[in-house]
Amino acid sequence: MKKDIITVSLEAEKLRAIKKYMEKKDADVQEEMVDQLQKLYEKYVPANVREYIDEREEDEGKNNKPKQRFKNNEMPSDKME
């Protein structure tokens, strides 16, 4: 699924402090932000809408897979006999 970019403004000194103390705990700002956005998504987007979006993602994944070609127009079931 296509991703969008979010820009957030924060005082530079606060961001430096966050990075400094997260680094001590081997945490990553980007990963934490993604986790928090996921929690917001789950909190505010109704379950049926999330399910619909998940199904669309699965369908897109299936449609983007390259089609497998078989020799001499054989189908996989032809080889199973």
PDB file of N, CA and C in Angstrom:
ATOM      1  N   MET A   1       0.849  -1.174   0.000  1.00  0.00           N
ATOM      2  CA  MET A   1       0.000   0.000   0.000  1.00  0.00           C
ATOM      3  C   MET A   1       0.897   1.240   0.000  1.00  0.00           C
ATOM      4  N   LYS A   2       0.444   2.254  -0.679  1.00  0.00           N
ATOM      5  CA  LYS A   2       1.180   3.510  -0.757  1.00  0.00           C
ATOM      6  C   LYS A   2       1.270   4.143   0.631  1.00  0.00           C
ATOM      7  N   LYS A   3       2.408   4.735   0.922  1.00  0.00           N
ATOM      8  CA  LYS A   3       2.600   5.379   2.223  1.00  0.00           C
ATOM      9  C   LYS A   3       2.694   6.887   2.052  1.00  0.00           C
ATOM     10  N   ASP A   4       2.211   7.607   3.046  1.00  0.00           N
ATOM     11  CA  ASP A   4       2.324   9.058   3.099  1.00  0.00           C
ATOM     12  C   ASP A   4       3.351   9.430   4.153  1.00  0.00           C
ATOM     13  N   ILE A   5       3.828  10.642   4.062  1.00  0.00           N
ATOM     14  CA  ILE A   5       4.813  11.160   5.008  1.00  0.00           C
ATOM     15  C   ILE A   5       4.138  12.192   5.896  1.00  0.00           C
ATOM     16  N   ILE A   6       4.419  12.101   7.180  1.00  0.00           N
ATOM     17  CA  ILE A   6       3.891  13.063   8.146  1.00  0.00           C
ATOM     18  C   ILE A   6       5.061  13.884   8.668  1.00  0.00           C
ATOM     19  N   THR A   7       4.877  15.188   8.721  1.00  0.00           N
ATOM     20  CA  THR A   7       5.891  16.074   9.278  1.00  0.00           C
ATOM     21  C   THR A   7       5.368  16.619  10.596  1.00  0.00           C
ATOM     22  N   VAL A   8       6.179  16.473  11.634  1.00  0.00           N
ATOM     23  CA  VAL A   8       5.793  16.938  12.962  1.00  0.00           C
ATOM     24  C   VAL A   8       6.825  17.948  13.430  1.00  0.00           C
ATOM     25  N   SER A   9       6.346  19.024  14.015  1.00  0.00           N
ATOM     26  CA  SER A   9       7.227  20.071  14.506  1.00  0.00           C
ATOM     27  C   SER A   9       7.398  19.922  16.019  1.00  0.00           C
ATOM     28  N   LEU A  10       8.646  20.034  16.480  1.00  0.00           N
ATOM     29  CA  LEU A  10       8.953  19.932  17.903  1.00  0.00           C
ATOM     30  C   LEU A  10      10.176  20.792  18.176  1.00  0.00           C
ATOM     31  N   GLU A  11      10.227  21.375  19.348  1.00  0.00           N
ATOM     32  CA  GLU A  11      11.392  22.185  19.702  1.00  0.00           C
ATOM     33  C   GLU A  11      12.649  21.325  19.605  1.00  0.00           C
ATOM     34  N   ALA A  12      13.689  21.886  18.995  1.00  0.00           N
ATOM     35  CA  ALA A  12      14.917  21.148  18.721  1.00  0.00           C
ATOM     36  C   ALA A  12      15.531  20.550  19.984  1.00  0.00           C
ATOM     37  N   GLU A  13      15.538  21.300  21.058  1.00  0.00           N
ATOM     38  CA  GLU A  13      16.141  20.809  22.295  1.00  0.00           C
ATOM     39  C   GLU A  13      15.379  19.601  22.842  1.00  0.00           C
ATOM     40  N   LYS A  14      14.072  19.629  22.719  1.00  0.00           N
ATOM     41  CA  LYS A  14      13.268  18.492  23.177  1.00  0.00           C
ATOM     42  C   LYS A  14      13.542  17.255  22.324  1.00  0.00           C
ATOM     43  N   LEU A  15      13.658  17.452  21.025  1.00  0.00           N
ATOM     44  CA  LEU A  15      13.949  16.326  20.144  1.00  0.00           C
ATOM     45  C   LEU A  15      15.326  15.741  20.446  1.00  0.00           C
ATOM     46  N   ARG A  16      16.305  16.602  20.667  1.00  0.00           N
ATOM     47  CA  ARG A  16      17.646  16.117  21.030  1.00  0.00           C
ATOM     48  C   ARG A  16      17.589  15.294  22.313  1.00  0.00           C
ATOM     49  N   ALA A  17      16.819  15.760  23.293  1.00  0.00           N
ATOM     50  CA  ALA A  17      16.695  15.035  24.562  1.00  0.00           C
ATOM     51  C   ALA A  17      16.025  13.675  24.339  1.00  0.00           C
ATOM     52  N   ILE A  18      14.981  13.661  23.535  1.00  0.00           N
ATOM     53  CA  ILE A  18      14.305  12.395  23.234  1.00  0.00           C
ATOM     54  C   ILE A  18      15.295  11.416  22.618  1.00  0.00           C
ATOM     55  N   LYS A  19      16.001  11.867  21.596  1.00  0.00           N
ATOM     56  CA  LYS A  19      16.960  10.998  20.906  1.00  0.00           C
ATOM     57  C   LYS A  19      18.048  10.508  21.856  1.00  0.00           C
ATOM     58  N   LYS A  20      18.551  11.408  22.685  1.00  0.00           N
ATOM     59  CA  LYS A  20      19.631  11.056  23.611  1.00  0.00           C
ATOM     60  C   LYS A  20      19.195   9.940  24.556  1.00  0.00           C
ATOM     61  N   TYR A  21      18.030  10.081  25.164  1.00  0.00           N
ATOM     62  CA  TYR A  21      17.591   9.108  26.156  1.00  0.00           C
ATOM     63  C   TYR A  21      17.019   7.838  25.524  1.00  0.00           C
ATOM     64  N   MET A  22      16.494   7.958  24.332  1.00  0.00           N
ATOM     65  CA  MET A  22      16.044   6.756  23.629  1.00  0.00           C
ATOM     66  C   MET A  22      17.240   5.920  23.206  1.00  0.00           C
ATOM     67  N   GLU A  23      18.300   6.592  22.796  1.00  0.00           N
ATOM     68  CA  GLU A  23      19.516   5.905  22.372  1.00  0.00           C
ATOM     69  C   GLU A  23      20.071   5.039  23.503  1.00  0.00           C
ATOM     70  N   LYS A  24      19.987   5.554  24.720  1.00  0.00           N
ATOM     71  CA  LYS A  24      20.479   4.802  25.879  1.00  0.00           C
ATOM     72  C   LYS A  24      19.691   3.511  26.088  1.00  0.00           C
ATOM     73  N   LYS A  25      18.464   3.493  25.616  1.00  0.00           N
ATOM     74  CA  LYS A  25      17.616   2.304  25.763  1.00  0.00           C
ATOM     75  C   LYS A  25      17.488   1.537  24.448  1.00  0.00           C
ATOM     76  N   ASP A  26      18.370   1.841  23.506  1.00  0.00           N
ATOM     77  CA  ASP A  26      18.350   1.203  22.185  1.00  0.00           C
ATOM     78  C   ASP A  26      16.980   1.303  21.516  1.00  0.00           C
ATOM     79  N   ALA A  27      16.350   2.443  21.662  1.00  0.00           N
ATOM     80  CA  ALA A  27      15.054   2.690  21.026  1.00  0.00           C
ATOM     81  C   ALA A  27      15.252   3.650  19.857  1.00  0.00           C
ATOM     82  N   ASP A  28      14.359   3.570  18.888  1.00  0.00           N
ATOM     83  CA  ASP A  28      14.456   4.391  17.686  1.00  0.00           C
ATOM     84  C   ASP A  28      13.233   5.303  17.584  1.00  0.00           C
ATOM     85  N   VAL A  29      13.465   6.584  17.367  1.00  0.00           N
ATOM     86  CA  VAL A  29      12.369   7.558  17.289  1.00  0.00           C
ATOM     87  C   VAL A  29      11.388   7.174  16.183  1.00  0.00           C
ATOM     88  N   GLN A  30      11.903   6.855  15.024  1.00  0.00           N
ATOM     89  CA  GLN A  30      11.046   6.516  13.881  1.00  0.00           C
ATOM     90  C   GLN A  30      10.159   5.312  14.205  1.00  0.00           C
ATOM     91  N   GLU A  31      10.757   4.266  14.760  1.00  0.00           N
ATOM     92  CA  GLU A  31       9.984   3.068  15.097  1.00  0.00           C
ATOM     93  C   GLU A  31       8.911   3.377  16.138  1.00  0.00           C
ATOM     94  N   GLU A  32       9.267   4.170  17.123  1.00  0.00           N
ATOM     95  CA  GLU A  32       8.301   4.537  18.164  1.00  0.00           C
ATOM     96  C   GLU A  32       7.151   5.358  17.585  1.00  0.00           C
ATOM     97  N   MET A  33       7.465   6.258  16.667  1.00  0.00           N
ATOM     98  CA  MET A  33       6.417   7.068  16.042  1.00  0.00           C
ATOM     99  C   MET A  33       5.472   6.180  15.228  1.00  0.00           C
ATOM    100  N   VAL A  34       6.029   5.238  14.492  1.00  0.00           N
ATOM    101  CA  VAL A  34       5.203   4.320  13.709  1.00  0.00           C
ATOM    102  C   VAL A  34       4.302   3.509  14.642  1.00  0.00           C
ATOM    103  N   ASP A  35       4.858   3.026  15.754  1.00  0.00           N
ATOM    104  CA  ASP A  35       4.058   2.274  16.730  1.00  0.00           C
ATOM    105  C   ASP A  35       2.917   3.125  17.283  1.00  0.00           C
ATOM    106  N   GLN A  36       3.212   4.369  17.607  1.00  0.00           N
ATOM    107  CA  GLN A  36       2.177   5.249  18.154  1.00  0.00           C
ATOM    108  C   GLN A  36       1.096   5.553  17.122  1.00  0.00           C
ATOM    109  N   LEU A  37       1.493   5.742  15.870  1.00  0.00           N
ATOM    110  CA  LEU A  37       0.499   5.977  14.813  1.00  0.00           C
ATOM    111  C   LEU A  37      -0.390   4.750  14.623  1.00  0.00           C
ATOM    112  N   GLN A  38       0.194   3.568  14.724  1.00  0.00           N
ATOM    113  CA  GLN A  38      -0.594   2.337  14.620  1.00  0.00           C
ATOM    114  C   GLN A  38      -1.621   2.267  15.753  1.00  0.00           C
ATOM    115  N   LYS A  39      -1.214   2.648  16.953  1.00  0.00           N
ATOM    116  CA  LYS A  39      -2.139   2.654  18.094  1.00  0.00           C
ATOM    117  C   LYS A  39      -3.274   3.658  17.876  1.00  0.00           C
ATOM    118  N   LEU A  40      -2.953   4.821  17.328  1.00  0.00           N
ATOM    119  CA  LEU A  40      -3.991   5.812  17.022  1.00  0.00           C
ATOM    120  C   LEU A  40      -4.963   5.273  15.971  1.00  0.00           C
ATOM    121  N   TYR A  41      -4.417   4.630  14.973  1.00  0.00           N
ATOM    122  CA  TYR A  41      -5.231   4.027  13.913  1.00  0.00           C
ATOM    123  C   TYR A  41      -6.204   3.013  14.511  1.00  0.00           C
ATOM    124  N   GLU A  42      -5.683   2.138  15.373  1.00  0.00           N
ATOM    125  CA  GLU A  42      -6.520   1.115  15.991  1.00  0.00           C
ATOM    126  C   GLU A  42      -7.545   1.718  16.955  1.00  0.00           C
ATOM    127  N   LYS A  43      -7.189   2.813  17.595  1.00  0.00           N
ATOM    128  CA  LYS A  43      -8.091   3.446  18.556  1.00  0.00           C
ATOM    129  C   LYS A  43      -9.247   4.176  17.872  1.00  0.00           C
ATOM    130  N   TYR A  44      -8.965   4.887  16.792  1.00  0.00           N
ATOM    131  CA  TYR A  44      -9.965   5.769  16.193  1.00  0.00           C
ATOM    132  C   TYR A  44     -10.658   5.235  14.947  1.00  0.00           C
ATOM    133  N   VAL A  45     -10.019   4.349  14.209  1.00  0.00           N
ATOM    134  CA  VAL A  45     -10.644   3.830  12.989  1.00  0.00           C
ATOM    135  C   VAL A  45     -11.480   2.605  13.369  1.00  0.00           C
ATOM    136  N   PRO A  46     -12.757   2.616  13.022  1.00  0.00           N
ATOM    137  CA  PRO A  46     -13.619   1.484  13.373  1.00  0.00           C
ATOM    138  C   PRO A  46     -13.086   0.160  12.812  1.00  0.00           C
ATOM    139  N   ALA A  47     -13.334  -0.911  13.541  1.00  0.00           N
ATOM    140  CA  ALA A  47     -12.818  -2.236  13.173  1.00  0.00           C
ATOM    141  C   ALA A  47     -13.242  -2.653  11.768  1.00  0.00           C
ATOM    142  N   ASN A  48     -14.493  -2.369  11.383  1.00  0.00           N
ATOM    143  CA  ASN A  48     -14.951  -2.776  10.049  1.00  0.00           C
ATOM    144  C   ASN A  48     -14.206  -2.020   8.946  1.00  0.00           C
ATOM    145  N   VAL A  49     -13.819  -0.794   9.196  1.00  0.00           N
ATOM    146  CA  VAL A  49     -13.051  -0.022   8.211  1.00  0.00           C
ATOM    147  C   VAL A  49     -11.630  -0.579   8.125  1.00  0.00           C
ATOM    148  N   ARG A  50     -11.037  -0.894   9.271  1.00  0.00           N
ATOM    149  CA  ARG A  50      -9.689  -1.489   9.276  1.00  0.00           C
ATOM    150  C   ARG A  50      -9.692  -2.823   8.523  1.00  0.00           C
ATOM    151  N   GLU A  51     -10.739  -3.603   8.733  1.00  0.00           N
ATOM    152  CA  GLU A  51     -10.856  -4.891   8.046  1.00  0.00           C
ATOM    153  C   GLU A  51     -10.948  -4.687   6.534  1.00  0.00           C
ATOM    154  N   TYR A  52     -11.737  -3.712   6.115  1.00  0.00           N
ATOM    155  CA  TYR A  52     -11.869  -3.399   4.688  1.00  0.00           C
ATOM    156  C   TYR A  52     -10.511  -3.005   4.096  1.00  0.00           C
ATOM    157  N   ILE A  53      -9.786  -2.164   4.806  1.00  0.00           N
ATOM    158  CA  ILE A  53      -8.468  -1.721   4.334  1.00  0.00           C
ATOM    159  C   ILE A  53      -7.511  -2.903   4.255  1.00  0.00           C
ATOM    160  N   ASP A  54      -7.530  -3.772   5.263  1.00  0.00           N
ATOM    161  CA  ASP A  54      -6.666  -4.959   5.254  1.00  0.00           C
ATOM    162  C   ASP A  54      -6.972  -5.852   4.058  1.00  0.00           C
ATOM    163  N   GLU A  55      -8.249  -6.033   3.753  1.00  0.00           N
ATOM    164  CA  GLU A  55      -8.642  -6.856   2.607  1.00  0.00           C
ATOM    165  C   GLU A  55      -8.156  -6.247   1.299  1.00  0.00           C
ATOM    166  N   ARG A  56      -8.244  -4.940   1.189  1.00  0.00           N
ATOM    167  CA  ARG A  56      -7.759  -4.267  -0.029  1.00  0.00           C
ATOM    168  C   ARG A  56      -6.260  -4.453  -0.179  1.00  0.00           C
ATOM    169  N   GLU A  57      -5.518  -4.361   0.936  1.00  0.00           N
ATOM    170  CA  GLU A  57      -4.072  -4.569   0.895  1.00  0.00           C
ATOM    171  C   GLU A  57      -3.749  -5.979   0.417  1.00  0.00           C
ATOM    172  N   GLU A  58      -4.490  -6.966   0.920  1.00  0.00           N
ATOM    173  CA  GLU A  58      -4.273  -8.350   0.502  1.00  0.00           C
ATOM    174  C   GLU A  58      -4.548  -8.513  -0.990  1.00  0.00           C
ATOM    175  N   ASP A  59      -5.636  -7.910  -1.461  1.00  0.00           N
ATOM    176  CA  ASP A  59      -5.977  -7.997  -2.879  1.00  0.00           C
ATOM    177  C   ASP A  59      -4.908  -7.349  -3.743  1.00  0.00           C
ATOM    178  N   GLU A  60      -4.387  -6.209  -3.313  1.00  0.00           N
ATOM    179  CA  GLU A  60      -3.328  -5.534  -4.063  1.00  0.00           C
ATOM    180  C   GLU A  60      -2.087  -6.406  -4.114  1.00  0.00           C
ATOM    181  N   GLY A  61      -1.772  -7.061  -3.016  1.00  0.00           N
ATOM    182  CA  GLY A  61      -0.611  -7.944  -2.966  1.00  0.00           C
ATOM    183  C   GLY A  61      -0.753  -9.112  -3.926  1.00  0.00           C
ATOM    184  N   LYS A  62      -1.953  -9.671  -4.011  1.00  0.00           N
ATOM    185  CA  LYS A  62      -2.198 -10.787  -4.923  1.00  0.00           C
ATOM    186  C   LYS A  62      -2.091 -10.340  -6.371  1.00  0.00           C
ATOM    187  N   ASN A  63      -2.594  -9.163  -6.677  1.00  0.00           N
ATOM    188  CA  ASN A  63      -2.582  -8.662  -8.053  1.00  0.00           C
ATOM    189  C   ASN A  63      -1.199  -8.237  -8.500  1.00  0.00           C
ATOM    190  N   ASN A  64      -0.311  -7.926  -7.572  1.00  0.00           N
ATOM    191  CA  ASN A  64       1.029  -7.470  -7.928  1.00  0.00           C
ATOM    192  C   ASN A  64       2.027  -8.609  -8.080  1.00  0.00           C
ATOM    193  N   LYS A  65       1.632  -9.833  -7.704  1.00  0.00           N
ATOM    194  CA  LYS A  65       2.544 -10.967  -7.832  1.00  0.00           C
ATOM    195  C   LYS A  65       2.670 -11.338  -9.299  1.00  0.00           C
ATOM    196  N   PRO A  66       3.895 -11.647  -9.745  1.00  0.00           N
ATOM    197  CA  PRO A  66       4.056 -12.064 -11.136  1.00  0.00           C
ATOM    198  C   PRO A  66       3.384 -13.415 -11.357  1.00  0.00           C
ATOM    199  N   LYS A  67       2.794 -13.568 -12.523  1.00  0.00           N
ATOM    200  CA  LYS A  67       2.114 -14.816 -12.839  1.00  0.00           C
ATOM    201  C   LYS A  67       3.150 -15.858 -13.219  1.00  0.00           C
ATOM    202  N   GLN A  68       2.956 -17.065 -12.691  1.00  0.00           N
ATOM    203  CA  GLN A  68       3.885 -18.147 -12.958  1.00  0.00           C
ATOM    204  C   GLN A  68       3.570 -18.752 -14.317  1.00  0.00           C
ATOM    205  N   ARG A  69       4.613 -18.987 -15.091  1.00  0.00           N
ATOM    206  CA  ARG A  69       4.434 -19.595 -16.402  1.00  0.00           C
ATOM    207  C   ARG A  69       4.871 -21.049 -16.330  1.00  0.00           C
ATOM    208  N   PHE A  70       4.184 -21.873 -17.067  1.00  0.00           N
ATOM    209  CA  PHE A  70       4.485 -23.289 -17.092  1.00  0.00           C
ATOM    210  C   PHE A  70       4.900 -23.691 -18.495  1.00  0.00           C
ATOM    211  N   LYS A  71       5.755 -24.705 -18.559  1.00  0.00           N
ATOM    212  CA  LYS A  71       6.240 -25.208 -19.828  1.00  0.00           C
ATOM    213  C   LYS A  71       5.106 -25.840 -20.632  1.00  0.00           C
ATOM    214  N   ASN A  72       5.082 -25.596 -21.913  1.00  0.00           N
ATOM    215  CA  ASN A  72       4.128 -26.212 -22.832  1.00  0.00           C
ATOM    216  C   ASN A  72       2.677 -26.058 -22.379  1.00  0.00           C
ATOM    217  N   ASN A  73       2.372 -24.913 -21.774  1.00  0.00           N
ATOM    218  CA  ASN A  73       1.014 -24.608 -21.312  1.00  0.00           C
ATOM    219  C   ASN A  73       0.468 -25.616 -20.301  1.00  0.00           C
ATOM    220  N   GLU A  74       1.350 -26.325 -19.598  1.00  0.00           N
ATOM    221  CA  GLU A  74       0.907 -27.260 -18.561  1.00  0.00           C
ATOM    222  C   GLU A  74       0.398 -26.478 -17.368  1.00  0.00           C
ATOM    223  N   MET A  75      -0.573 -27.006 -16.724  1.00  0.00           N
ATOM    224  CA  MET A  75      -1.083 -26.432 -15.490  1.00  0.00           C
ATOM    225  C   MET A  75      -0.511 -27.244 -14.334  1.00  0.00           C
ATOM    226  N   PRO A  76      -0.410 -26.676 -13.150  1.00  0.00           N
ATOM    227  CA  PRO A  76       0.147 -27.411 -12.017  1.00  0.00           C
ATOM    228  C   PRO A  76      -0.589 -28.724 -11.761  1.00  0.00           C
ATOM    229  N   SER A  77      -1.896 -28.767 -11.985  1.00  0.00           N
ATOM    230  CA  SER A  77      -2.666 -29.989 -11.748  1.00  0.00           C
ATOM    231  C   SER A  77      -2.277 -31.092 -12.733  1.00  0.00           C
ATOM    232  N   ASP A  78      -1.764 -30.714 -13.932  1.00  0.00           N
ATOM    233  CA  ASP A  78      -1.338 -31.699 -14.922  1.00  0.00           C
ATOM    234  C   ASP A  78      -0.174 -32.524 -14.402  1.00  0.00           C
ATOM    235  N   LYS A  79       0.673 -31.936 -13.593  1.00  0.00           N
ATOM    236  CA  LYS A  79       1.861 -32.618 -13.100  1.00  0.00           C
ATOM    237  C   LYS A  79       1.558 -33.485 -11.887  1.00  0.00           C
ATOM    238  N   MET A  80       0.423 -33.289 -11.256  1.00  0.00           N
ATOM    239  CA  MET A  80       0.109 -34.011 -10.031  1.00  0.00           C
ATOM    240  C   MET A  80      -0.390 -35.423 -10.302  1.00  0.00           C
ATOM    241  N   GLU A  81      -0.814 -35.716 -11.472  1.00  0.00           N
ATOM    242  CA  GLU A  81      -1.387 -37.032 -11.768  1.00  0.00           C
ATOM    243  C   GLU A  81      -0.345 -38.101 -11.856  1.00  0.00           C
TER     244      GLU A  81
END
